[in-house]
């Protein structure tokens, strides 16, 4: 079943409240997905620096002195913020690939990488996941979240959403892909890194692969309507904004709302009812096989109807 939420802020005065608003939306979707939960926040960035969010089941030992160890190994200053089982590494952008290799060698899981992206996800009820990472105190420009009811793979931290497969890009998904196994094999042959058996990670990796081959996000989302079998609602986060697409049948519920201050997405309308000014919002159900995208670097709203 699963629940999806997303919030794209147009009004900068709301940015300090992004975590609080998204957390409330996420918790409202608990009965659609009580197994695990996750949230992606796009916040402040620093020129020349990259964030890498990592996870460990034994953070007390795994993160002890890790910033110094990495600083010595990279020959550059690494800063670290620990939040429960996750830590956010602040590293020089040119050291990102080397840092990823070191994380793999140390057995630390990489949740996300990007200039502004941080992903926090764990097994448990959404309210508990939100509390352990203090998500309500986070600020940013936009974010997406997911509550999971596992159907395609085990209930694990790595099986939780969002999935990050490209720099500053991540995906949450409600539905099921029937051809994810064959597509996973194809993408791995193309050199795309996929860690889990979750069909959603395959969807995220597919979009990354398309964009690495020159497609825009809108073009990649439209291609997914032909290349991905099954039923799905995708909400994608990027550095500049977020996009939405539903399969041609659109059997999974979805609702959107837009005001002068924000664009919001929820699997159900009740996820949106506490947003400021919702009573004056334009509320609609996104159409099947239609790509919606909002960006801070483009016109406020664009839609592309798939052929």
C-alpha atoms as a PDB file:
ATOM      1  CA  UNK A   1       0.000   0.000   0.000  1.00  0.00           C
ATOM      2  CA  UNK A   2       2.521   2.644   1.213  1.00  0.00           C
ATOM      3  CA  UNK A   3       2.132   6.383   1.711  1.00  0.00           C
ATOM      4  CA  UNK A   4       3.926   9.217  -0.067  1.00  0.00           C
ATOM      5  CA  UNK A   5       4.255  12.885   0.863  1.00  0.00           C
ATOM      6  CA  UNK A   6       6.088  15.743  -0.790  1.00  0.00           C
ATOM      7  CA  UNK A   7       6.396  19.477  -0.187  1.00  0.00           C
ATOM      8  CA  UNK A   8       8.006  22.044  -2.495  1.00  0.00           C
ATOM      9  CA  UNK A   9       8.255  25.510  -0.979  1.00  0.00           C
ATOM     10  CA  UNK A  10       7.895  28.645  -3.075  1.00  0.00           C
ATOM     11  CA  UNK A  11       7.864  30.962  -0.052  1.00  0.00           C
ATOM     12  CA  UNK A  12      11.293  31.202   1.611  1.00  0.00           C
ATOM     13  CA  UNK A  13       9.692  32.240   4.904  1.00  0.00           C
ATOM     14  CA  UNK A  14       8.382  28.661   5.258  1.00  0.00           C
ATOM     15  CA  UNK A  15      11.808  27.029   4.896  1.00  0.00           C
ATOM     16  CA  UNK A  16      12.473  26.834   8.671  1.00  0.00           C
ATOM     17  CA  UNK A  17       9.184  24.884   8.974  1.00  0.00           C
ATOM     18  CA  UNK A  18       9.846  22.335   6.223  1.00  0.00           C
ATOM     19  CA  UNK A  19      10.790  19.516   8.593  1.00  0.00           C
ATOM     20  CA  UNK A  20       7.850  20.197  10.885  1.00  0.00           C
ATOM     21  CA  UNK A  21       5.341  20.267   8.020  1.00  0.00           C
ATOM     22  CA  UNK A  22       6.734  17.168   6.305  1.00  0.00           C
ATOM     23  CA  UNK A  23       6.901  15.223   9.562  1.00  0.00           C
ATOM     24  CA  UNK A  24       3.222  15.865  10.258  1.00  0.00           C
ATOM     25  CA  UNK A  25       2.339  14.790   6.717  1.00  0.00           C
ATOM     26  CA  UNK A  26       4.454  11.630   7.087  1.00  0.00           C
ATOM     27  CA  UNK A  27       2.905  10.575  10.404  1.00  0.00           C
ATOM     28  CA  UNK A  28      -0.582  11.003   8.943  1.00  0.00           C
ATOM     29  CA  UNK A  29       0.283   8.270   6.423  1.00  0.00           C
ATOM     30  CA  UNK A  30       1.225   5.729   9.126  1.00  0.00           C
ATOM     31  CA  UNK A  31      -1.637   3.322   8.458  1.00  0.00           C
ATOM     32  CA  UNK A  32      -0.567   3.133   4.799  1.00  0.00           C
ATOM     33  CA  UNK A  33       2.899   1.972   5.843  1.00  0.00           C
ATOM     34  CA  UNK A  34       3.823   1.080   9.441  1.00  0.00           C
ATOM     35  CA  UNK A  35       6.890  -1.058   8.626  1.00  0.00           C
ATOM     36  CA  UNK A  36       9.466   1.658   7.999  1.00  0.00           C
ATOM     37  CA  UNK A  37       9.704   5.304   7.029  1.00  0.00           C
ATOM     38  CA  UNK A  38      12.072   7.777   5.483  1.00  0.00           C
ATOM     39  CA  UNK A  39      12.419  11.378   4.491  1.00  0.00           C
ATOM     40  CA  UNK A  40      14.632  13.328   2.090  1.00  0.00           C
ATOM     41  CA  UNK A  41      15.372  16.973   2.882  1.00  0.00           C
ATOM     42  CA  UNK A  42      16.970  19.444   0.504  1.00  0.00           C
ATOM     43  CA  UNK A  43      18.690  22.094   2.590  1.00  0.00           C
ATOM     44  CA  UNK A  44      21.616  24.482   2.542  1.00  0.00           C
ATOM     45  CA  UNK A  45      24.665  23.750   0.412  1.00  0.00           C
ATOM     46  CA  UNK A  46      28.257  24.944   0.479  1.00  0.00           C
ATOM     47  CA  UNK A  47      30.190  25.543  -2.721  1.00  0.00           C
ATOM     48  CA  UNK A  48      32.815  22.882  -3.287  1.00  0.00           C
ATOM     49  CA  UNK A  49      31.401  20.600  -0.604  1.00  0.00           C
ATOM     50  CA  UNK A  50      29.210  17.469  -0.810  1.00  0.00           C
ATOM     51  CA  UNK A  51      27.078  15.748   1.806  1.00  0.00           C
ATOM     52  CA  UNK A  52      27.099  11.985   2.214  1.00  0.00           C
ATOM     53  CA  UNK A  53      24.572  10.489   4.626  1.00  0.00           C
ATOM     54  CA  UNK A  54      25.660   7.112   5.994  1.00  0.00           C
ATOM     55  CA  UNK A  55      24.081   4.522   8.313  1.00  0.00           C
ATOM     56  CA  UNK A  56      25.264   1.884  10.766  1.00  0.00           C
ATOM     57  CA  UNK A  57      23.485  -0.532  13.106  1.00  0.00           C
ATOM     58  CA  UNK A  58      26.311   0.127  15.612  1.00  0.00           C
ATOM     59  CA  UNK A  59      26.799   3.897  15.389  1.00  0.00           C
ATOM     60  CA  UNK A  60      28.524   4.200  18.772  1.00  0.00           C
ATOM     61  CA  UNK A  61      31.557   2.332  17.471  1.00  0.00           C
ATOM     62  CA  UNK A  62      31.246   2.896  13.711  1.00  0.00           C
ATOM     63  CA  UNK A  63      31.115   6.694  13.946  1.00  0.00           C
ATOM     64  CA  UNK A  64      33.630   7.082  16.772  1.00  0.00           C
ATOM     65  CA  UNK A  65      36.508   9.129  15.331  1.00  0.00           C
ATOM     66  CA  UNK A  66      35.301   8.554  11.763  1.00  0.00           C
ATOM     67  CA  UNK A  67      35.693  12.211  10.789  1.00  0.00           C
ATOM     68  CA  UNK A  68      39.367  12.174  11.780  1.00  0.00           C
ATOM     69  CA  UNK A  69      39.959   8.835  10.070  1.00  0.00           C
ATOM     70  CA  UNK A  70      38.466  10.159   6.838  1.00  0.00           C
ATOM     71  CA  UNK A  71      40.300  13.473   7.068  1.00  0.00           C
ATOM     72  CA  UNK A  72      43.600  11.595   7.308  1.00  0.00           C
ATOM     73  CA  UNK A  73      42.702   9.203   4.474  1.00  0.00           C
ATOM     74  CA  UNK A  74      41.482  11.945   2.124  1.00  0.00           C
ATOM     75  CA  UNK A  75      44.049  14.563   3.042  1.00  0.00           C
ATOM     76  CA  UNK A  76      41.168  17.030   3.468  1.00  0.00           C
ATOM     77  CA  UNK A  77      38.978  18.198   6.316  1.00  0.00           C
ATOM     78  CA  UNK A  78      35.844  16.116   6.867  1.00  0.00           C
ATOM     79  CA  UNK A  79      33.107  17.261   9.197  1.00  0.00           C
ATOM     80  CA  UNK A  80      30.472  14.920  10.645  1.00  0.00           C
ATOM     81  CA  UNK A  81      27.037  15.309  12.244  1.00  0.00           C
ATOM     82  CA  UNK A  82      25.638  12.205  13.963  1.00  0.00           C
ATOM     83  CA  UNK A  83      21.885  11.615  14.223  1.00  0.00           C
ATOM     84  CA  UNK A  84      21.024   8.293  15.836  1.00  0.00           C
ATOM     85  CA  UNK A  85      22.000   5.527  13.379  1.00  0.00           C
ATOM     86  CA  UNK A  86      22.893   8.039  10.641  1.00  0.00           C
ATOM     87  CA  UNK A  87      25.724  10.499  10.159  1.00  0.00           C
ATOM     88  CA  UNK A  88      26.109  13.275   7.600  1.00  0.00           C
ATOM     89  CA  UNK A  89      29.630  13.672   6.255  1.00  0.00           C
ATOM     90  CA  UNK A  90      30.644  17.054   4.838  1.00  0.00           C
ATOM     91  CA  UNK A  91      33.416  16.347   2.347  1.00  0.00           C
ATOM     92  CA  UNK A  92      35.182  18.082  -0.570  1.00  0.00           C
ATOM     93  CA  UNK A  93      33.167  17.416  -3.739  1.00  0.00           C
ATOM     94  CA  UNK A  94      36.174  15.996  -5.577  1.00  0.00           C
ATOM     95  CA  UNK A  95      36.619  13.401  -2.802  1.00  0.00           C
ATOM     96  CA  UNK A  96      33.091  11.951  -3.082  1.00  0.00           C
ATOM     97  CA  UNK A  97      34.042   8.849  -5.100  1.00  0.00           C
ATOM     98  CA  UNK A  98      36.988   8.079  -2.847  1.00  0.00           C
ATOM     99  CA  UNK A  99      34.825   8.516   0.254  1.00  0.00           C
ATOM    100  CA  UNK A 100      32.224   6.130  -1.163  1.00  0.00           C
ATOM    101  CA  UNK A 101      34.906   3.488  -1.699  1.00  0.00           C
ATOM    102  CA  UNK A 102      36.096   3.874   1.880  1.00  0.00           C
ATOM    103  CA  UNK A 103      32.525   3.561   3.182  1.00  0.00           C
ATOM    104  CA  UNK A 104      32.083   0.328   1.226  1.00  0.00           C
ATOM    105  CA  UNK A 105      35.334  -1.037   2.624  1.00  0.00           C
ATOM    106  CA  UNK A 106      34.241  -0.153   6.174  1.00  0.00           C
ATOM    107  CA  UNK A 107      30.805  -1.735   5.714  1.00  0.00           C
ATOM    108  CA  UNK A 108      28.959   1.537   6.230  1.00  0.00           C
ATOM    109  CA  UNK A 109      25.758   2.018   4.234  1.00  0.00           C
ATOM    110  CA  UNK A 110      25.379   5.108   2.085  1.00  0.00           C
ATOM    111  CA  UNK A 111      21.870   6.573   2.269  1.00  0.00           C
ATOM    112  CA  UNK A 112      22.443   9.576   0.016  1.00  0.00           C
ATOM    113  CA  UNK A 113      24.943  11.901  -1.603  1.00  0.00           C
ATOM    114  CA  UNK A 114      24.536  15.383  -2.971  1.00  0.00           C
ATOM    115  CA  UNK A 115      25.224  19.059  -2.447  1.00  0.00           C
ATOM    116  CA  UNK A 116      21.970  19.681  -0.566  1.00  0.00           C
ATOM    117  CA  UNK A 117      20.331  16.254  -0.054  1.00  0.00           C
ATOM    118  CA  UNK A 118      20.116  14.359   3.241  1.00  0.00           C
ATOM    119  CA  UNK A 119      18.131  11.106   3.608  1.00  0.00           C
ATOM    120  CA  UNK A 120      17.099   9.545   6.914  1.00  0.00           C
ATOM    121  CA  UNK A 121      15.266   6.216   6.964  1.00  0.00           C
ATOM    122  CA  UNK A 122      14.795   3.317   9.364  1.00  0.00           C
ATOM    123  CA  UNK A 123      12.544   0.444  10.314  1.00  0.00           C
ATOM    124  CA  UNK A 124       9.705   1.391  12.659  1.00  0.00           C
ATOM    125  CA  UNK A 125       6.604   3.525  12.910  1.00  0.00           C
ATOM    126  CA  UNK A 126       6.872   6.886  11.126  1.00  0.00           C
ATOM    127  CA  UNK A 127       6.468   8.832  14.399  1.00  0.00           C
ATOM    128  CA  UNK A 128       9.362   6.911  15.944  1.00  0.00           C
ATOM    129  CA  UNK A 129      11.593   7.320  12.900  1.00  0.00           C
ATOM    130  CA  UNK A 130      10.829  11.046  12.801  1.00  0.00           C
ATOM    131  CA  UNK A 131      11.598  11.434  16.515  1.00  0.00           C
ATOM    132  CA  UNK A 132      14.909   9.563  16.480  1.00  0.00           C
ATOM    133  CA  UNK A 133      16.247  11.855  13.721  1.00  0.00           C
ATOM    134  CA  UNK A 134      14.577  15.040  15.039  1.00  0.00           C
ATOM    135  CA  UNK A 135      13.139  15.581  11.565  1.00  0.00           C
ATOM    136  CA  UNK A 136      10.684  18.264  12.671  1.00  0.00           C
ATOM    137  CA  UNK A 137      13.592  20.616  13.421  1.00  0.00           C
ATOM    138  CA  UNK A 138      15.085  20.455   9.925  1.00  0.00           C
ATOM    139  CA  UNK A 139      14.843  23.323   7.465  1.00  0.00           C
ATOM    140  CA  UNK A 140      15.090  23.344   3.694  1.00  0.00           C
ATOM    141  CA  UNK A 141      13.545  24.231   0.363  1.00  0.00           C
ATOM    142  CA  UNK A 142      11.705  20.977  -0.376  1.00  0.00           C
ATOM    143  CA  UNK A 143      11.484  17.337   0.594  1.00  0.00           C
ATOM    144  CA  UNK A 144       9.731  14.022   0.070  1.00  0.00           C
ATOM    145  CA  UNK A 145       8.824  11.188   2.425  1.00  0.00           C
ATOM    146  CA  UNK A 146       7.498   7.636   2.474  1.00  0.00           C
ATOM    147  CA  UNK A 147       5.806   5.204   4.844  1.00  0.00           C
ATOM    148  CA  UNK A 148       6.243   1.594   3.754  1.00  0.00           C
ATOM    149  CA  UNK A 149       4.120  -1.512   3.833  1.00  0.00           C
ATOM    150  CA  UNK A 150       6.567  -4.067   2.484  1.00  0.00           C
ATOM    151  CA  UNK A 151       5.340  -6.224  -0.395  1.00  0.00           C
ATOM    152  CA  UNK A 152       8.335  -6.712  -2.706  1.00  0.00           C
ATOM    153  CA  UNK A 153      11.222  -7.210  -0.281  1.00  0.00           C
ATOM    154  CA  UNK A 154      12.103  -7.583   3.398  1.00  0.00           C
ATOM    155  CA  UNK A 155      11.498  -4.977   6.079  1.00  0.00           C
ATOM    156  CA  UNK A 156      15.012  -3.527   6.421  1.00  0.00           C
ATOM    157  CA  UNK A 157      16.673  -0.138   6.639  1.00  0.00           C
ATOM    158  CA  UNK A 158      18.015  -0.482   3.104  1.00  0.00           C
ATOM    159  CA  UNK A 159      14.589  -1.501   1.837  1.00  0.00           C
ATOM    160  CA  UNK A 160      12.997   1.676   3.162  1.00  0.00           C
ATOM    161  CA  UNK A 161      12.410   4.683   0.909  1.00  0.00           C
ATOM    162  CA  UNK A 162      13.597   7.170  -0.366  1.00  0.00           C
ATOM    163  CA  UNK A 163      16.213   5.663  -2.675  1.00  0.00           C
ATOM    164  CA  UNK A 164      19.141   7.780  -3.865  1.00  0.00           C
ATOM    165  CA  UNK A 165      20.961   6.599  -6.986  1.00  0.00           C
ATOM    166  CA  UNK A 166      22.109   9.891  -8.514  1.00  0.00           C
ATOM    167  CA  UNK A 167      23.718  13.034  -7.138  1.00  0.00           C
ATOM    168  CA  UNK A 168      21.022  15.022  -5.288  1.00  0.00           C
ATOM    169  CA  UNK A 169      18.288  12.795  -6.763  1.00  0.00           C
ATOM    170  CA  UNK A 170      15.972  10.389  -4.958  1.00  0.00           C
ATOM    171  CA  UNK A 171      12.692   8.544  -5.440  1.00  0.00           C
ATOM    172  CA  UNK A 172       9.715   7.300  -3.427  1.00  0.00           C
ATOM    173  CA  UNK A 173       7.182   4.903  -4.916  1.00  0.00           C
ATOM    174  CA  UNK A 174       3.733   3.528  -4.227  1.00  0.00           C
ATOM    175  CA  UNK A 175       2.901   0.417  -6.261  1.00  0.00           C
ATOM    176  CA  UNK A 176       4.682  -2.589  -7.710  1.00  0.00           C
ATOM    177  CA  UNK A 177       6.958  -3.122 -10.715  1.00  0.00           C
ATOM    178  CA  UNK A 178       6.657  -6.530 -12.379  1.00  0.00           C
ATOM    179  CA  UNK A 179       9.805  -6.329 -14.536  1.00  0.00           C
ATOM    180  CA  UNK A 180      12.231  -5.040 -11.911  1.00  0.00           C
ATOM    181  CA  UNK A 181      14.370  -8.209 -11.871  1.00  0.00           C
ATOM    182  CA  UNK A 182      15.181  -8.138 -15.585  1.00  0.00           C
ATOM    183  CA  UNK A 183      15.669  -4.371 -15.499  1.00  0.00           C
ATOM    184  CA  UNK A 184      17.962  -4.658 -12.475  1.00  0.00           C
ATOM    185  CA  UNK A 185      20.200  -7.067 -14.396  1.00  0.00           C
ATOM    186  CA  UNK A 186      20.274  -4.721 -17.393  1.00  0.00           C
ATOM    187  CA  UNK A 187      21.133  -1.664 -15.306  1.00  0.00           C
ATOM    188  CA  UNK A 188      23.893  -3.485 -13.457  1.00  0.00           C
ATOM    189  CA  UNK A 189      25.414  -4.464 -16.809  1.00  0.00           C
ATOM    190  CA  UNK A 190      25.350  -0.748 -17.642  1.00  0.00           C
ATOM    191  CA  UNK A 191      27.397  -0.043 -14.509  1.00  0.00           C
ATOM    192  CA  UNK A 192      24.545   1.332 -12.373  1.00  0.00           C
ATOM    193  CA  UNK A 193      25.029   0.590  -8.660  1.00  0.00           C
ATOM    194  CA  UNK A 194      21.996  -1.181  -7.140  1.00  0.00           C
ATOM    195  CA  UNK A 195      22.221  -2.609  -3.621  1.00  0.00           C
ATOM    196  CA  UNK A 196      18.850  -4.120  -2.754  1.00  0.00           C
ATOM    197  CA  UNK A 197      16.142  -6.364  -4.180  1.00  0.00           C
ATOM    198  CA  UNK A 198      13.581  -3.585  -3.774  1.00  0.00           C
ATOM    199  CA  UNK A 199      11.730  -2.717  -6.984  1.00  0.00           C
ATOM    200  CA  UNK A 200      11.725   0.978  -6.071  1.00  0.00           C
ATOM    201  CA  UNK A 201      15.508   1.168  -6.139  1.00  0.00           C
ATOM    202  CA  UNK A 202      15.341  -0.197  -9.681  1.00  0.00           C
ATOM    203  CA  UNK A 203      12.947   2.611 -10.594  1.00  0.00           C
ATOM    204  CA  UNK A 204      15.318   5.175  -9.108  1.00  0.00           C
ATOM    205  CA  UNK A 205      18.300   3.614 -10.877  1.00  0.00           C
ATOM    206  CA  UNK A 206      16.397   3.594 -14.172  1.00  0.00           C
ATOM    207  CA  UNK A 207      15.831   7.349 -13.989  1.00  0.00           C
ATOM    208  CA  UNK A 208      19.501   7.928 -13.145  1.00  0.00           C
ATOM    209  CA  UNK A 209      20.578   5.775 -16.099  1.00  0.00           C
ATOM    210  CA  UNK A 210      18.281   7.670 -18.463  1.00  0.00           C
ATOM    211  CA  UNK A 211      19.664  11.008 -17.311  1.00  0.00           C
ATOM    212  CA  UNK A 212      23.258   9.821 -17.556  1.00  0.00           C
ATOM    213  CA  UNK A 213      22.456   9.121 -21.200  1.00  0.00           C
ATOM    214  CA  UNK A 214      21.292  12.671 -21.845  1.00  0.00           C
ATOM    215  CA  UNK A 215      17.594  12.659 -20.915  1.00  0.00           C
ATOM    216  CA  UNK A 216      16.048  15.404 -18.834  1.00  0.00           C
ATOM    217  CA  UNK A 217      14.129  14.328 -15.756  1.00  0.00           C
ATOM    218  CA  UNK A 218      10.865  14.948 -17.601  1.00  0.00           C
ATOM    219  CA  UNK A 219      12.024  12.787 -20.513  1.00  0.00           C
ATOM    220  CA  UNK A 220      13.191  10.047 -18.130  1.00  0.00           C
ATOM    221  CA  UNK A 221       9.847  10.028 -16.335  1.00  0.00           C
ATOM    222  CA  UNK A 222       7.974   9.818 -19.641  1.00  0.00           C
ATOM    223  CA  UNK A 223      10.210   6.938 -20.768  1.00  0.00           C
ATOM    224  CA  UNK A 224       9.401   5.095 -17.549  1.00  0.00           C
ATOM    225  CA  UNK A 225       5.787   4.845 -18.710  1.00  0.00           C
ATOM    226  CA  UNK A 226       6.947   2.611 -21.584  1.00  0.00           C
ATOM    227  CA  UNK A 227       9.821   0.739 -19.956  1.00  0.00           C
ATOM    228  CA  UNK A 228       8.454  -0.033 -16.480  1.00  0.00           C
ATOM    229  CA  UNK A 229       5.722  -2.661 -16.219  1.00  0.00           C
ATOM    230  CA  UNK A 230       3.302  -2.623 -13.322  1.00  0.00           C
ATOM    231  CA  UNK A 231       1.499   0.112 -11.468  1.00  0.00           C
ATOM    232  CA  UNK A 232       3.213   3.019  -9.788  1.00  0.00           C
ATOM    233  CA  UNK A 233       3.165   6.552  -8.525  1.00  0.00           C
ATOM    234  CA  UNK A 234       6.628   8.103  -8.481  1.00  0.00           C
ATOM    235  CA  UNK A 235       7.610  11.245  -6.610  1.00  0.00           C
ATOM    236  CA  UNK A 236      11.166  12.314  -7.433  1.00  0.00           C
ATOM    237  CA  UNK A 237      13.310  14.824  -5.585  1.00  0.00           C
ATOM    238  CA  UNK A 238      16.091  16.734  -7.322  1.00  0.00           C
ATOM    239  CA  UNK A 239      18.377  19.562  -6.277  1.00  0.00           C
ATOM    240  CA  UNK A 240      16.084  22.099  -7.932  1.00  0.00           C
ATOM    241  CA  UNK A 241      12.627  20.691  -7.278  1.00  0.00           C
ATOM    242  CA  UNK A 242      10.415  17.649  -7.476  1.00  0.00           C
ATOM    243  CA  UNK A 243       8.409  15.710 -10.029  1.00  0.00           C
ATOM    244  CA  UNK A 244       5.390  13.406 -10.042  1.00  0.00           C
ATOM    245  CA  UNK A 245       4.201  10.747 -12.485  1.00  0.00           C
ATOM    246  CA  UNK A 246       1.503   8.054 -12.304  1.00  0.00           C
ATOM    247  CA  UNK A 247       1.230   5.007 -14.536  1.00  0.00           C
ATOM    248  CA  UNK A 248      -1.399   5.043 -17.328  1.00  0.00           C
ATOM    249  CA  UNK A 249      -3.960   3.216 -15.175  1.00  0.00           C
ATOM    250  CA  UNK A 250      -3.278   5.318 -12.056  1.00  0.00           C
ATOM    251  CA  UNK A 251      -4.836   2.851  -9.637  1.00  0.00           C
ATOM    252  CA  UNK A 252      -2.837   4.181  -6.683  1.00  0.00           C
ATOM    253  CA  UNK A 253      -4.366   7.182  -4.883  1.00  0.00           C
ATOM    254  CA  UNK A 254      -2.744  10.602  -5.203  1.00  0.00           C
ATOM    255  CA  UNK A 255      -3.714  14.208  -4.553  1.00  0.00           C
ATOM    256  CA  UNK A 256      -1.890  17.499  -5.030  1.00  0.00           C
ATOM    257  CA  UNK A 257      -2.407  21.029  -3.760  1.00  0.00           C
ATOM    258  CA  UNK A 258      -0.849  24.317  -4.843  1.00  0.00           C
ATOM    259  CA  UNK A 259      -0.850  27.794  -3.344  1.00  0.00           C
ATOM    260  CA  UNK A 260       1.379  30.838  -3.755  1.00  0.00           C
ATOM    261  CA  UNK A 261       3.514  29.394  -0.949  1.00  0.00           C
ATOM    262  CA  UNK A 262       3.967  25.731  -1.863  1.00  0.00           C
ATOM    263  CA  UNK A 263       3.133  22.657  -3.918  1.00  0.00           C
ATOM    264  CA  UNK A 264       2.220  19.561  -1.900  1.00  0.00           C
ATOM    265  CA  UNK A 265       1.676  15.886  -2.686  1.00  0.00           C
ATOM    266  CA  UNK A 266      -0.024  13.222  -0.606  1.00  0.00           C
ATOM    267  CA  UNK A 267      -1.275   9.703  -1.169  1.00  0.00           C
ATOM    268  CA  UNK A 268      -4.442  10.937   0.513  1.00  0.00           C
ATOM    269  CA  UNK A 269      -5.886  14.402   1.094  1.00  0.00           C
ATOM    270  CA  UNK A 270      -5.708  14.003   4.862  1.00  0.00           C
ATOM    271  CA  UNK A 271      -1.913  14.306   4.607  1.00  0.00           C
ATOM    272  CA  UNK A 272      -2.405  17.894   3.400  1.00  0.00           C
ATOM    273  CA  UNK A 273      -5.151  19.195   5.686  1.00  0.00           C
ATOM    274  CA  UNK A 274      -2.847  20.869   8.237  1.00  0.00           C
ATOM    275  CA  UNK A 275      -0.752  22.797   5.697  1.00  0.00           C
ATOM    276  CA  UNK A 276      -1.037  26.589   5.967  1.00  0.00           C
ATOM    277  CA  UNK A 277      -3.645  28.056   3.624  1.00  0.00           C
ATOM    278  CA  UNK A 278      -4.850  24.645   2.430  1.00  0.00           C
ATOM    279  CA  UNK A 279      -8.444  25.896   2.445  1.00  0.00           C
ATOM    280  CA  UNK A 280      -7.554  28.277  -0.404  1.00  0.00           C
ATOM    281  CA  UNK A 281      -5.355  25.846  -2.356  1.00  0.00           C
ATOM    282  CA  UNK A 282      -6.014  24.519  -5.823  1.00  0.00           C
ATOM    283  CA  UNK A 283      -6.483  20.812  -5.134  1.00  0.00           C
ATOM    284  CA  UNK A 284      -6.525  18.156  -7.847  1.00  0.00           C
ATOM    285  CA  UNK A 285      -5.777  14.534  -8.630  1.00  0.00           C
ATOM    286  CA  UNK A 286      -2.732  14.234 -10.922  1.00  0.00           C
ATOM    287  CA  UNK A 287      -3.703  12.741 -14.259  1.00  0.00           C
ATOM    288  CA  UNK A 288      -2.491   9.315 -15.436  1.00  0.00           C
ATOM    289  CA  UNK A 289       0.611   9.190 -17.652  1.00  0.00           C
ATOM    290  CA  UNK A 290       1.338  12.876 -17.073  1.00  0.00           C
ATOM    291  CA  UNK A 291       4.624  14.298 -15.822  1.00  0.00           C
ATOM    292  CA  UNK A 292       4.426  17.181 -13.361  1.00  0.00           C
ATOM    293  CA  UNK A 293       7.541  19.086 -12.320  1.00  0.00           C
ATOM    294  CA  UNK A 294       8.270  22.160 -10.230  1.00  0.00           C
ATOM    295  CA  UNK A 295      11.700  23.784 -10.122  1.00  0.00           C
ATOM    296  CA  UNK A 296      13.248  26.732  -8.354  1.00  0.00           C
ATOM    297  CA  UNK A 297      15.087  27.512 -11.597  1.00  0.00           C
ATOM    298  CA  UNK A 298      12.124  27.499 -13.993  1.00  0.00           C
ATOM    299  CA  UNK A 299       8.528  28.603 -14.287  1.00  0.00           C
ATOM    300  CA  UNK A 300       6.592  27.807 -11.080  1.00  0.00           C
ATOM    301  CA  UNK A 301       4.550  24.982 -12.623  1.00  0.00           C
ATOM    302  CA  UNK A 302       5.059  22.881 -15.740  1.00  0.00           C
ATOM    303  CA  UNK A 303       3.276  19.771 -16.926  1.00  0.00           C
ATOM    304  CA  UNK A 304       4.110  17.465 -19.788  1.00  0.00           C
ATOM    305  CA  UNK A 305       1.456  15.092 -21.075  1.00  0.00           C
ATOM    306  CA  UNK A 306       2.977  11.810 -22.186  1.00  0.00           C
ATOM    307  CA  UNK A 307       2.208  10.762 -25.765  1.00  0.00           C
END
